[in-house]
Protein backbone atom coordinates (compact mmCIF):
# COMPACT_ATOMS: atom_id res chain seq x y z
CA UNK A 1 48.36 -44.47 28.56
CA UNK A 2 48.34 -46.51 25.45
CA UNK A 3 46.12 -45.26 22.63
CA UNK A 4 45.66 -48.77 21.28
CA UNK A 5 42.08 -49.31 20.28
CA UNK A 6 40.19 -52.26 18.87
CA UNK A 7 37.50 -51.36 16.32
CA UNK A 8 34.55 -53.59 15.60
CA UNK A 9 32.65 -52.69 12.43
CA UNK A 10 28.88 -53.07 12.38
CA UNK A 11 26.72 -52.65 9.29
CA UNK A 12 23.13 -51.69 10.04
CA UNK A 13 20.39 -52.50 7.58
CA UNK A 14 17.11 -51.97 9.42
CA UNK A 15 15.60 -50.84 12.68
CA UNK A 16 16.22 -52.84 15.82
CA UNK A 17 18.61 -53.28 18.71
CA UNK A 18 22.34 -53.91 18.71
CA UNK A 19 23.82 -55.40 21.88
CA UNK A 20 27.31 -54.43 22.99
CA UNK A 21 28.76 -56.98 25.45
CA UNK A 22 30.69 -54.93 27.98
CA UNK A 23 31.76 -57.83 30.25
CA UNK A 24 35.54 -57.74 30.92
CA UNK A 25 36.17 -61.19 29.53
CA UNK A 26 34.76 -60.15 26.14
CA UNK A 27 37.48 -57.57 25.56
CA UNK A 28 40.33 -59.09 23.58
CA UNK A 29 43.61 -59.48 25.45
CA UNK A 30 46.54 -57.48 24.23
CA UNK A 31 49.92 -56.30 25.38
CA UNK A 32 49.82 -53.52 26.31
CA UNK A 33 46.16 -53.77 27.37
CA UNK A 34 43.53 -52.22 25.11
CA UNK A 35 41.92 -49.42 27.15
CA UNK A 36 38.93 -48.95 24.89
CA UNK A 37 36.68 -50.82 22.52
CA UNK A 38 35.34 -48.99 19.46
CA UNK A 39 32.24 -49.91 17.48
CA UNK A 40 31.96 -48.33 14.03
CA UNK A 41 28.43 -48.33 12.60
CA UNK A 42 27.81 -47.86 8.88
CA UNK A 43 25.06 -48.64 6.39
CA UNK A 44 21.44 -47.44 6.57
CA UNK A 45 18.79 -47.98 9.21
CA UNK A 46 15.25 -46.90 9.92
CA UNK A 47 14.10 -45.48 13.24
CA UNK A 48 14.06 -46.52 15.97
CA UNK A 49 17.54 -47.99 16.35
CA UNK A 50 18.93 -48.83 19.78
CA UNK A 51 22.46 -49.69 20.95
CA UNK A 52 22.45 -51.22 24.46
CA UNK A 53 25.15 -52.56 26.77
CA UNK A 54 24.90 -56.14 27.98
CA UNK A 55 26.85 -58.01 30.58
CA UNK A 56 28.53 -56.77 33.78
CA UNK A 57 31.18 -54.10 33.14
CA UNK A 58 34.02 -53.18 35.49
CA UNK A 59 34.39 -49.62 36.67
CA UNK A 60 36.08 -47.39 34.09
CA UNK A 61 35.06 -49.66 31.23
CA UNK A 62 35.12 -47.46 28.13
CA UNK A 63 33.21 -48.05 24.88
CA UNK A 64 33.36 -45.73 21.89
CA UNK A 65 30.49 -45.68 19.39
CA UNK A 66 31.43 -44.18 16.01
CA UNK A 67 28.20 -43.44 14.12
CA UNK A 68 28.82 -43.28 10.42
CA UNK A 69 25.49 -44.73 9.30
CA UNK A 70 22.41 -43.17 7.75
CA UNK A 71 19.25 -43.17 9.81
CA UNK A 72 15.74 -41.96 9.13
CA UNK A 73 14.99 -39.23 11.68
CA UNK A 74 11.95 -39.87 13.85
CA UNK A 75 10.74 -39.97 17.45
CA UNK A 76 13.44 -41.56 19.66
CA UNK A 77 15.21 -42.41 16.44
CA UNK A 78 18.52 -43.45 18.01
CA UNK A 79 19.42 -44.40 21.57
CA UNK A 80 22.92 -45.22 22.77
CA UNK A 81 23.36 -46.78 26.19
CA UNK A 82 20.04 -45.27 27.33
CA UNK A 83 20.66 -41.77 25.93
CA UNK A 84 18.53 -40.40 23.06
CA UNK A 85 20.66 -38.79 20.39
CA UNK A 86 19.29 -35.36 19.25
CA UNK A 87 17.82 -35.44 15.76
CA UNK A 88 20.13 -32.68 14.54
CA UNK A 89 23.10 -34.96 15.31
CA UNK A 90 21.59 -38.02 13.68
CA UNK A 91 21.65 -36.22 10.36
CA UNK A 92 25.45 -35.87 10.69
CA UNK A 93 28.27 -38.11 11.89
CA UNK A 94 29.24 -38.24 15.54
CA UNK A 95 31.12 -40.12 18.24
CA UNK A 96 29.55 -41.31 21.51
CA UNK A 97 32.01 -41.95 24.34
CA UNK A 98 30.52 -44.28 26.99
CA UNK A 99 32.25 -44.58 30.38
CA UNK A 100 31.03 -46.82 33.20
CA UNK A 101 31.59 -45.13 36.58
CA UNK A 102 30.81 -48.23 38.59
CA UNK A 103 27.10 -47.43 38.88
CA UNK A 104 25.90 -46.03 35.57
CA UNK A 105 27.03 -45.21 32.07
CA UNK A 106 28.17 -41.67 31.35
CA UNK A 107 27.58 -40.93 27.66
CA UNK A 108 29.32 -37.97 26.01
CA UNK A 109 28.51 -37.17 22.40
CA UNK A 110 30.94 -35.26 20.23
CA UNK A 111 28.87 -33.81 17.37
CA UNK A 112 31.18 -34.60 14.47
CA UNK A 113 34.49 -36.21 13.61
CA UNK A 114 36.09 -32.82 12.89
CA UNK A 115 34.94 -31.42 16.25
CA UNK A 116 32.64 -28.87 14.54
CA UNK A 117 29.66 -28.61 16.88
CA UNK A 118 26.03 -28.52 15.91
CA UNK A 119 24.05 -26.15 18.10
CA UNK A 120 20.25 -26.43 18.12
CA UNK A 121 17.75 -24.08 19.75
CA UNK A 122 17.35 -26.31 22.77
CA UNK A 123 21.12 -26.02 23.42
CA UNK A 124 21.03 -22.22 23.60
CA UNK A 125 20.42 -20.52 26.91
CA UNK A 126 17.66 -17.90 27.05
CA UNK A 127 18.87 -14.45 25.96
CA UNK A 128 22.24 -15.91 24.95
CA UNK A 129 22.26 -14.53 21.39
CA UNK A 130 23.42 -10.91 21.65
CA UNK A 131 23.35 -8.15 19.04
CA UNK A 132 27.09 -8.47 18.46
CA UNK A 133 26.62 -12.10 17.36
CA UNK A 134 24.12 -11.20 14.63
CA UNK A 135 25.65 -10.02 11.35
CA UNK A 136 24.33 -6.79 9.85
CA UNK A 137 21.49 -7.25 7.35
CA UNK A 138 21.02 -10.85 8.50
CA UNK A 139 17.56 -10.74 10.07
CA UNK A 140 15.01 -11.35 7.30
CA UNK A 141 11.36 -10.41 7.56
CA UNK A 142 10.47 -14.10 7.58
CA UNK A 143 12.47 -14.48 10.82
CA UNK A 144 10.48 -11.81 12.63
CA UNK A 145 7.66 -12.59 15.00
CA UNK A 146 4.22 -12.81 13.39
CA UNK A 147 2.59 -9.40 12.98
CA UNK A 148 -1.19 -9.02 12.79
CA UNK A 149 -2.60 -7.99 9.43
CA UNK A 150 -2.69 -4.23 9.01
CA UNK A 151 -0.15 -3.53 11.76
CA UNK A 152 3.00 -1.42 11.72
CA UNK A 153 6.01 -1.41 14.03
CA UNK A 154 6.96 1.83 15.76
CA UNK A 155 8.85 3.07 18.81
CA UNK A 156 6.54 3.52 21.80
CA UNK A 157 6.79 5.92 24.75
CA UNK A 158 9.32 3.57 26.38
CA UNK A 159 11.52 3.65 23.26
CA UNK A 160 10.67 0.03 22.55
CA UNK A 161 9.39 -1.37 19.26
CA UNK A 162 5.73 -2.24 19.43
CA UNK A 163 2.91 -3.11 17.02
CA UNK A 164 0.20 -0.65 16.09
CA UNK A 165 -2.96 -2.03 14.49
CA UNK A 166 -4.11 0.26 11.69
CA UNK A 167 -7.84 -0.13 11.18
CA UNK A 168 -9.76 0.38 7.94
CA UNK A 169 -10.17 4.00 6.81
CA UNK A 170 -7.76 5.39 9.40
CA UNK A 171 -4.52 7.30 9.25
CA UNK A 172 -1.42 7.03 11.46
CA UNK A 173 -0.50 10.25 13.23
CA UNK A 174 2.11 11.19 15.82
CA UNK A 175 1.12 11.21 19.48
CA UNK A 176 3.43 12.70 22.12
CA UNK A 177 2.36 10.21 24.78
CA UNK A 178 2.30 6.94 22.83
CA UNK A 179 4.41 7.65 19.76
CA UNK A 180 1.83 6.88 17.08
CA UNK A 181 -1.93 6.34 17.00
CA UNK A 182 -4.33 5.08 14.36
CA UNK A 183 -7.32 7.38 14.08
CA UNK A 184 -10.25 7.72 11.73
CA UNK A 185 -10.54 10.88 9.67
CA UNK A 186 -13.59 12.68 11.00
CA UNK A 187 -15.21 16.08 11.18
CA UNK A 188 -15.58 17.78 7.83
CA UNK A 189 -14.21 14.82 5.85
CA UNK A 190 -13.99 11.03 5.87
CA UNK A 191 -11.38 8.77 4.31
CA UNK A 192 -12.12 5.40 2.69
CA UNK A 193 -9.51 2.63 2.67
CA UNK A 194 -9.41 3.06 -1.11
CA UNK A 195 -7.89 6.49 -0.50
CA UNK A 196 -11.01 8.43 -1.47
CA UNK A 197 -11.56 11.52 0.69
CA UNK A 198 -15.18 12.65 1.04
CA UNK A 199 -15.93 16.19 2.24
CA UNK A 200 -19.11 16.47 4.29
CA UNK A 201 -22.06 18.42 2.95
CA UNK A 202 -22.03 22.13 3.89
CA UNK A 203 -18.56 21.70 5.39
CA UNK A 204 -16.86 24.41 3.33
CA UNK A 205 -17.65 27.81 4.85
CA UNK A 206 -16.81 31.29 3.59
CA UNK A 207 -13.95 31.57 6.06
CA UNK A 208 -12.28 28.52 4.47
CA UNK A 209 -12.25 30.06 0.99
CA UNK A 210 -9.38 32.37 0.09
CA UNK A 211 -10.24 35.81 -1.22
CA UNK A 212 -10.54 35.95 -5.01
CA UNK A 213 -10.45 32.14 -5.12
CA UNK A 214 -13.93 31.48 -6.51
CA UNK A 215 -13.86 31.76 -10.30
CA UNK A 216 -16.73 31.62 -12.75
CA UNK A 217 -15.74 28.07 -13.57
CA UNK A 218 -16.66 27.05 -9.98
CA UNK A 219 -20.23 28.38 -10.28
CA UNK A 220 -23.11 26.61 -11.97
CA UNK A 221 -24.46 28.01 -15.23
CA UNK A 222 -27.43 29.72 -13.60
CA UNK A 223 -25.14 31.59 -11.22
CA UNK A 224 -22.99 32.68 -14.15
CA UNK A 225 -25.85 34.01 -16.26
CA UNK A 226 -26.51 37.72 -16.54
CA UNK A 227 -28.13 40.13 -18.98
CA UNK A 228 -27.42 43.49 -20.54
CA UNK A 229 -30.26 45.82 -21.56
CA UNK A 230 -29.65 48.17 -24.53
CA UNK A 231 -32.35 50.67 -25.71
CA UNK A 232 -32.38 51.45 -29.44
CA UNK A 233 -34.25 54.18 -31.35
CA UNK A 234 -35.35 54.34 -34.96
CA UNK A 235 -37.05 57.74 -34.47
CA UNK A 236 -34.65 59.76 -36.63
CA UNK A 237 -32.17 58.94 -39.35
CA UNK A 238 -29.37 60.18 -37.11
CA UNK A 239 -30.12 57.44 -34.57
CA UNK A 240 -29.84 54.65 -37.11
CA UNK A 241 -26.45 53.13 -37.82
CA UNK A 242 -23.82 51.15 -35.90
CA UNK A 243 -23.72 51.14 -32.11
CA UNK A 244 -20.77 49.63 -30.18
CA UNK A 245 -20.84 48.42 -26.56
CA UNK A 246 -17.80 47.31 -24.54
CA UNK A 247 -17.91 43.82 -23.03
CA UNK A 248 -16.59 43.83 -19.46
CA UNK A 249 -16.08 40.10 -18.84
CA UNK A 250 -15.50 36.94 -20.87
CA UNK A 251 -18.83 35.49 -21.93
CA UNK A 252 -20.95 33.76 -24.52
CA UNK A 253 -24.13 35.40 -25.80
CA UNK A 254 -26.73 32.65 -25.57
CA UNK A 255 -29.86 34.53 -26.66
CA UNK A 256 -31.02 37.96 -27.88
CA UNK A 257 -34.48 39.38 -27.18
CA UNK A 258 -35.96 42.54 -28.70
CA UNK A 259 -39.00 44.23 -27.14
CA UNK A 260 -41.11 46.82 -29.00
CA UNK A 261 -41.22 49.94 -26.83
CA UNK A 262 -42.77 52.06 -29.60
CA UNK A 263 -44.37 50.48 -32.69
CA UNK A 264 -42.31 50.69 -35.88
CA UNK A 265 -43.33 52.68 -38.96
CA UNK A 266 -41.49 50.20 -41.20
CA UNK A 267 -39.46 47.09 -40.47
CA UNK A 268 -36.52 47.84 -38.19
CA UNK A 269 -33.59 45.43 -38.50
CA UNK A 270 -30.96 44.65 -35.82
CA UNK A 271 -27.78 42.85 -36.90
CA UNK A 272 -25.21 41.86 -34.20
CA UNK A 273 -21.48 41.61 -34.93
CA UNK A 274 -18.42 40.58 -32.87
CA UNK A 275 -15.25 42.58 -32.20
CA UNK A 276 -13.90 41.83 -35.70
CA UNK A 277 -17.13 42.84 -37.43
CA UNK A 278 -18.24 39.24 -38.09
CA UNK A 279 -21.98 38.68 -37.83
CA UNK A 280 -23.12 36.49 -34.95
CA UNK A 281 -24.67 33.55 -36.80
CA UNK A 282 -28.45 33.53 -36.30
CA UNK A 283 -28.55 36.83 -34.43
CA UNK A 284 -30.61 39.11 -36.70
CA UNK A 285 -33.83 40.54 -35.26
CA UNK A 286 -36.46 42.12 -37.53
CA UNK A 287 -39.30 44.15 -36.01
CA UNK A 288 -42.09 44.80 -38.49
CA UNK A 289 -44.73 47.50 -38.31
CA UNK A 290 -47.20 44.74 -37.59
CA UNK A 291 -45.81 44.30 -34.07
CA UNK A 292 -47.56 46.11 -31.25
CA UNK A 293 -46.20 47.64 -28.08
CA UNK A 294 -44.57 45.00 -25.86
CA UNK A 295 -44.17 42.35 -28.52
CA UNK A 296 -40.90 40.40 -28.20
CA UNK A 297 -38.78 38.98 -31.00
CA UNK A 298 -36.10 36.43 -29.90
CA UNK A 299 -33.17 34.67 -31.56
CA UNK A 300 -30.33 32.32 -30.53
CA UNK A 301 -26.84 32.93 -31.93
CA UNK A 302 -24.98 29.76 -32.85
CA UNK A 303 -21.49 30.98 -33.81
CA UNK A 304 -19.13 33.96 -33.41
CA UNK A 305 -20.91 34.70 -30.13
CA UNK A 306 -17.98 34.32 -27.70
CA UNK A 307 -16.29 37.42 -26.26
CA UNK A 308 -13.40 38.25 -23.95
CA UNK A 309 -13.15 41.23 -21.62
CA UNK A 310 -12.47 44.38 -23.63
CA UNK A 311 -14.15 43.19 -26.85
CA UNK A 312 -17.01 45.21 -28.29
CA UNK A 313 -20.33 43.98 -29.60
CA UNK A 314 -21.69 45.94 -32.54
CA UNK A 315 -25.39 46.49 -33.24
CA UNK A 316 -26.08 47.59 -36.78
CA UNK A 317 -29.60 49.08 -37.21
CA UNK A 318 -31.53 49.88 -40.38
CA UNK A 319 -35.11 50.39 -41.61
CA UNK A 320 -36.88 49.16 -44.72
CA UNK A 321 -38.80 52.43 -45.22
CA UNK A 322 -39.79 55.40 -43.15
CA UNK A 323 -38.14 55.94 -39.82
CA UNK A 324 -39.98 55.54 -36.55
CA UNK A 325 -40.17 53.17 -33.61
CA UNK A 326 -38.12 52.13 -30.64
CA UNK A 327 -36.93 48.82 -29.12
CA UNK A 328 -35.10 47.48 -26.12
CA UNK A 329 -32.50 44.78 -26.72
CA UNK A 330 -31.70 42.23 -23.99
CA UNK A 331 -28.44 40.25 -24.37
CA UNK A 332 -28.50 37.02 -22.32
CA UNK A 333 -24.89 36.13 -21.41
CA UNK A 334 -23.14 33.17 -19.81
CA UNK A 335 -19.93 34.20 -18.06
CA UNK A 336 -16.92 32.03 -18.83
């Protein structure tokens, strides 16, 4: 068959209708006969644009439409011989082959001049895109199905990915029947969505505390306070001098109280010193002969009053005159 073809060039400039006369007597005569008539469209048009056949064609009449024009895409933007051209093809160049079978026009559209097809979603069969046709690392998050806020994807009991909604103040834990579950922290503690864990009141029992785990630092000051009672005598000269007492635990001496247990003949002085022999600032207690039985003299040390286990505290006693009298010293200590 001869490949001779007559091309008619049409320049489009707006929307409208272009009539193609397909009557046999409109085809130019040629030797050998021209088996096809080609219309080449160029220029720019706005939708809608329609190309329609007119006249009475013979069977096997063939018309080729070469679309090389620009067209604004819109609803029913371009129709050729009664067929709407898909929008994705309008944006490119294509060829429409129109064959009259004696009853109707058969329109075949080749997507582009170089035979490179354009495939849109409506041309794909359901489930036609297989894993092998997707390149590795090609599925972006934006291409995934919408996921509700606060949800995560996990494998369910059927080994299929599924969405799990994670509610406020919950944690995700493994579940042998479902795979994962979102549960609220409950019982002895609660968890806020800020991450703050709150332990319930009275939730920590003795059984939950390891042996030797509670240090002095974990007790309040009142629980850490204790006292040591030291009797002193000024009855004879041999009982007056320096007394040393071993400290068994780290502490701070907060106050010193002296109680008259036998009235003094002359003023009896108590001076307190630390392990190095340095006087505890503000610790001196003087008991005069004017004090009666049961009178208490108190003082508050302000420096050099911190001790570690194994240190000694020294009490240096003296009298201003004749010997005589007794006292009881109370050291008020805060364990550290």
